[in-house]
Protein backbone atom coordinates (compact mmCIF):
# COMPACT_ATOMS: atom_id res chain seq x y z
CA HIS A 1 100.57 109.12 84.28
CA ASP A 2 101.03 110.33 87.94
CA CYS A 3 102.31 113.67 88.31
CA ALA A 4 100.81 114.22 91.82
CA PRO A 5 104.51 114.61 93.18
CA ARG A 6 105.24 117.65 91.09
CA ILE A 7 101.79 119.35 91.84
CA MET A 8 101.36 120.21 95.55
CA ILE A 9 99.49 122.66 97.81
CA LYS A 10 102.09 124.92 99.31
CA ASP A 11 102.40 125.66 102.93
CA ALA A 12 100.47 122.74 104.02
CA LYS A 13 97.17 124.36 103.13
CA TRP A 14 93.99 122.45 101.90
CA TYR A 15 91.57 122.92 99.42
CA GLY A 16 87.68 122.11 99.33
CA VAL A 17 85.74 120.03 96.80
CA PRO A 18 82.28 121.70 96.16
CA TYR A 19 79.29 119.37 96.38
CA ARG A 20 78.58 120.14 92.72
CA ALA A 21 81.67 118.15 91.82
CA LEU A 22 80.11 114.84 93.22
CA LEU A 23 77.10 115.18 90.88
CA PRO A 24 77.43 113.87 87.52
CA VAL A 25 76.59 116.32 84.91
CA LYS A 26 73.83 114.40 82.98
CA VAL A 27 73.08 111.63 85.26
CA ASP A 28 70.22 112.35 88.08
CA GLY A 29 69.90 110.58 91.35
CA LEU A 30 73.49 109.52 91.41
CA LEU A 31 76.67 110.76 93.41
CA VAL A 32 80.37 110.02 92.77
CA ALA A 33 83.46 110.17 94.75
CA GLY A 34 87.15 109.32 93.98
CA ARG A 35 88.21 109.24 90.41
CA LEU A 36 84.86 109.90 89.22
CA ILE A 37 84.20 113.54 90.44
CA THR A 38 84.42 116.59 88.22
CA SER A 39 87.74 118.44 88.64
CA GLU A 40 90.45 119.95 86.48
CA TRP A 41 93.24 117.87 85.76
CA GLU A 42 95.76 119.35 88.34
CA ALA A 43 93.29 118.94 91.08
CA HIS A 44 92.43 115.17 90.02
CA MET A 45 95.75 114.29 90.87
CA SER A 46 94.96 114.82 94.33
CA THR A 47 91.46 114.05 94.69
CA ARG A 48 91.97 110.49 93.97
CA ASN A 49 94.08 109.61 96.94
CA THR A 50 92.98 107.46 99.89
CA ALA A 51 92.31 110.22 102.53
CA SER A 52 90.30 112.39 99.81
CA CYS A 53 88.43 109.59 98.60
CA MET A 54 87.58 108.60 102.09
CA ALA A 55 86.15 112.12 102.83
CA GLN A 56 84.15 112.24 99.63
CA GLY A 57 82.78 108.76 100.55
CA GLU A 58 81.43 110.04 103.71
CA ALA A 59 80.13 113.14 102.08
CA VAL A 60 78.28 111.34 99.21
CA GLY A 61 77.29 108.71 101.64
CA THR A 62 75.82 111.26 104.09
CA ALA A 63 74.09 113.14 101.25
CA ALA A 64 72.61 109.68 99.99
CA ALA A 65 71.07 109.30 103.61
CA LEU A 66 69.56 112.75 103.76
CA CYS A 67 68.16 112.41 100.34
CA ALA A 68 66.51 109.19 101.43
CA ALA A 69 65.30 110.61 104.47
CA LYS A 70 63.87 113.90 102.72
CA GLY A 71 62.41 112.30 99.76
CA CYS A 72 64.53 114.30 97.10
CA THR A 73 67.43 113.86 94.74
CA PRO A 74 71.11 114.67 95.25
CA ARG A 75 70.44 117.80 92.86
CA GLU A 76 67.58 118.92 95.29
CA LEU A 77 69.43 118.34 98.37
CA ASP A 78 69.97 121.47 100.71
CA VAL A 79 73.72 121.61 100.55
CA GLN A 80 73.49 123.70 104.03
CA LEU A 81 71.94 120.80 105.72
CA LEU A 82 74.70 118.76 104.27
CA ARG A 83 77.44 120.74 105.54
CA ALA A 84 75.71 121.14 109.10
CA THR A 85 75.17 117.20 109.30
CA LEU A 86 78.82 116.68 108.23
CA LYS A 87 79.91 119.11 110.93
CA GLU A 88 77.72 117.43 113.50
CA HIS A 89 79.40 114.03 112.58
CA GLY A 90 82.57 115.76 113.30
CA VAL A 91 84.09 116.49 109.86
CA TYR A 92 86.29 119.60 109.43
CA LEU A 93 85.14 121.69 106.62
CA GLY A 94 87.61 124.22 106.74
CA GLU A 95 85.69 126.76 108.88
């Protein structure tokens, strides 16, 4: 059941998705995006739309590439390095 039309962010504002939401709780070495992320029910209604999924996909793809380059797992990745890399790629992080 999709209640997204009734749950809206007021005044054209936005919200962020923390990196930890892209890490499955009991599975190491895996990143998730879209319908698989960790969120509350209300947030989940808007995190699974195309634009949100594209942004999450870019974040997890970049994180995976950084992990491969650094030889670390997604949980060990320096989030500030990920943020800086995304910014270098022109991603708006709300700052």
